[in-house]
């Protein structure tokens, strides 16, 4: 991994102007990538940049992790 700082959920929430619980919901839904160090969730700057680049202006996610859920693919999580 390149020389990047590990970002906390609060750091990401501040960057995206959302609550920390929204960030945790984004992790659970697969909208944003993260990793764990012990019990702490951490993000790379690239994780956040990737999320932003895949987020359309209409608010509906076109992130690859959410496509399976919308298409109703088994194992893709909840169907909307």
C-alpha atoms as a PDB file:
ATOM      1  CA  UNK A   1       0.000   0.000   0.000  1.00  0.00           C
ATOM      2  CA  UNK A   2       1.223   3.490  -0.745  1.00  0.00           C
ATOM      3  CA  UNK A   3       2.025   5.996   1.969  1.00  0.00           C
ATOM      4  CA  UNK A   4      -1.542   6.916   2.978  1.00  0.00           C
ATOM      5  CA  UNK A   5      -3.089   7.888   6.283  1.00  0.00           C
ATOM      6  CA  UNK A   6      -5.696   5.622   7.804  1.00  0.00           C
ATOM      7  CA  UNK A   7      -8.988   7.478   8.138  1.00  0.00           C
ATOM      8  CA  UNK A   8     -11.517   6.788  10.891  1.00  0.00           C
ATOM      9  CA  UNK A   9     -15.282   6.586  10.391  1.00  0.00           C
ATOM     10  CA  UNK A  10     -15.552  10.076  11.896  1.00  0.00           C
ATOM     11  CA  UNK A  11     -12.950  11.396   9.431  1.00  0.00           C
ATOM     12  CA  UNK A  12     -14.952   9.970   6.520  1.00  0.00           C
ATOM     13  CA  UNK A  13     -18.211  11.318   7.958  1.00  0.00           C
ATOM     14  CA  UNK A  14     -16.658  14.784   8.175  1.00  0.00           C
ATOM     15  CA  UNK A  15     -15.321  14.537   4.616  1.00  0.00           C
ATOM     16  CA  UNK A  16     -18.717  13.495   3.229  1.00  0.00           C
ATOM     17  CA  UNK A  17     -20.761  15.777   5.526  1.00  0.00           C
ATOM     18  CA  UNK A  18     -22.811  12.857   6.876  1.00  0.00           C
ATOM     19  CA  UNK A  19     -23.175  11.256  10.292  1.00  0.00           C
ATOM     20  CA  UNK A  20     -20.902   8.498  11.527  1.00  0.00           C
ATOM     21  CA  UNK A  21     -23.872   6.100  11.590  1.00  0.00           C
ATOM     22  CA  UNK A  22     -24.431   6.823   7.889  1.00  0.00           C
ATOM     23  CA  UNK A  23     -20.830   5.805   7.232  1.00  0.00           C
ATOM     24  CA  UNK A  24     -21.415   2.508   9.092  1.00  0.00           C
ATOM     25  CA  UNK A  25     -24.574   1.940   7.017  1.00  0.00           C
ATOM     26  CA  UNK A  26     -22.540   2.563   3.862  1.00  0.00           C
ATOM     27  CA  UNK A  27     -20.035  -0.086   4.993  1.00  0.00           C
ATOM     28  CA  UNK A  28     -22.806  -2.627   5.659  1.00  0.00           C
ATOM     29  CA  UNK A  29     -24.426  -1.976   2.280  1.00  0.00           C
ATOM     30  CA  UNK A  30     -21.109  -2.279   0.447  1.00  0.00           C
ATOM     31  CA  UNK A  31     -21.153   1.296  -0.835  1.00  0.00           C
ATOM     32  CA  UNK A  32     -17.717   2.105   0.568  1.00  0.00           C
ATOM     33  CA  UNK A  33     -14.690  -0.095   1.184  1.00  0.00           C
ATOM     34  CA  UNK A  34     -13.037  -0.304   4.565  1.00  0.00           C
ATOM     35  CA  UNK A  35     -10.748  -2.506   6.600  1.00  0.00           C
ATOM     36  CA  UNK A  36     -10.457  -3.324  10.285  1.00  0.00           C
ATOM     37  CA  UNK A  37      -7.548  -2.952  12.654  1.00  0.00           C
ATOM     38  CA  UNK A  38      -8.622  -4.874  15.716  1.00  0.00           C
ATOM     39  CA  UNK A  39     -12.109  -3.587  16.432  1.00  0.00           C
ATOM     40  CA  UNK A  40     -11.581  -0.261  14.661  1.00  0.00           C
ATOM     41  CA  UNK A  41     -12.830   0.401  11.132  1.00  0.00           C
ATOM     42  CA  UNK A  42     -10.412   2.311   8.928  1.00  0.00           C
ATOM     43  CA  UNK A  43     -10.471   3.688   5.400  1.00  0.00           C
ATOM     44  CA  UNK A  44      -7.846   4.753   2.908  1.00  0.00           C
ATOM     45  CA  UNK A  45      -8.108   8.020   1.021  1.00  0.00           C
ATOM     46  CA  UNK A  46      -8.556   5.892  -2.109  1.00  0.00           C
ATOM     47  CA  UNK A  47     -11.616   4.209  -0.518  1.00  0.00           C
ATOM     48  CA  UNK A  48     -13.263   7.605  -0.112  1.00  0.00           C
ATOM     49  CA  UNK A  49     -12.227   8.839  -3.568  1.00  0.00           C
ATOM     50  CA  UNK A  50     -13.579   5.629  -5.122  1.00  0.00           C
ATOM     51  CA  UNK A  51     -16.901   6.080  -3.320  1.00  0.00           C
ATOM     52  CA  UNK A  52     -17.179   9.688  -4.491  1.00  0.00           C
ATOM     53  CA  UNK A  53     -16.312   8.835  -8.092  1.00  0.00           C
ATOM     54  CA  UNK A  54     -19.024   6.135  -8.199  1.00  0.00           C
ATOM     55  CA  UNK A  55     -21.744   8.242  -6.568  1.00  0.00           C
ATOM     56  CA  UNK A  56     -24.090   9.809  -9.154  1.00  0.00           C
ATOM     57  CA  UNK A  57     -25.687  13.214  -8.661  1.00  0.00           C
ATOM     58  CA  UNK A  58     -29.218  11.748  -8.398  1.00  0.00           C
ATOM     59  CA  UNK A  59     -28.315   9.993  -5.127  1.00  0.00           C
ATOM     60  CA  UNK A  60     -28.851   6.462  -6.447  1.00  0.00           C
ATOM     61  CA  UNK A  61     -25.708   4.427  -6.149  1.00  0.00           C
ATOM     62  CA  UNK A  62     -24.151   2.937  -9.245  1.00  0.00           C
ATOM     63  CA  UNK A  63     -21.314   1.510  -7.189  1.00  0.00           C
ATOM     64  CA  UNK A  64     -20.454  -2.035  -8.344  1.00  0.00           C
ATOM     65  CA  UNK A  65     -21.300  -3.444  -4.898  1.00  0.00           C
ATOM     66  CA  UNK A  66     -24.881  -2.180  -5.122  1.00  0.00           C
ATOM     67  CA  UNK A  67     -25.638  -3.423  -8.649  1.00  0.00           C
ATOM     68  CA  UNK A  68     -26.292  -7.008  -7.492  1.00  0.00           C
ATOM     69  CA  UNK A  69     -28.889  -5.866  -4.976  1.00  0.00           C
ATOM     70  CA  UNK A  70     -30.800  -3.783  -7.494  1.00  0.00           C
ATOM     71  CA  UNK A  71     -30.722  -6.559 -10.072  1.00  0.00           C
ATOM     72  CA  UNK A  72     -32.034  -9.064  -7.550  1.00  0.00           C
ATOM     73  CA  UNK A  73     -29.002 -11.330  -7.880  1.00  0.00           C
ATOM     74  CA  UNK A  74     -28.963 -13.973  -5.122  1.00  0.00           C
ATOM     75  CA  UNK A  75     -26.368 -13.240  -2.491  1.00  0.00           C
ATOM     76  CA  UNK A  76     -26.413  -9.572  -3.406  1.00  0.00           C
ATOM     77  CA  UNK A  77     -28.030  -8.556  -0.130  1.00  0.00           C
ATOM     78  CA  UNK A  78     -31.447  -7.082   0.364  1.00  0.00           C
ATOM     79  CA  UNK A  79     -33.635  -6.550  -2.649  1.00  0.00           C
ATOM     80  CA  UNK A  80     -35.009  -3.050  -3.002  1.00  0.00           C
END
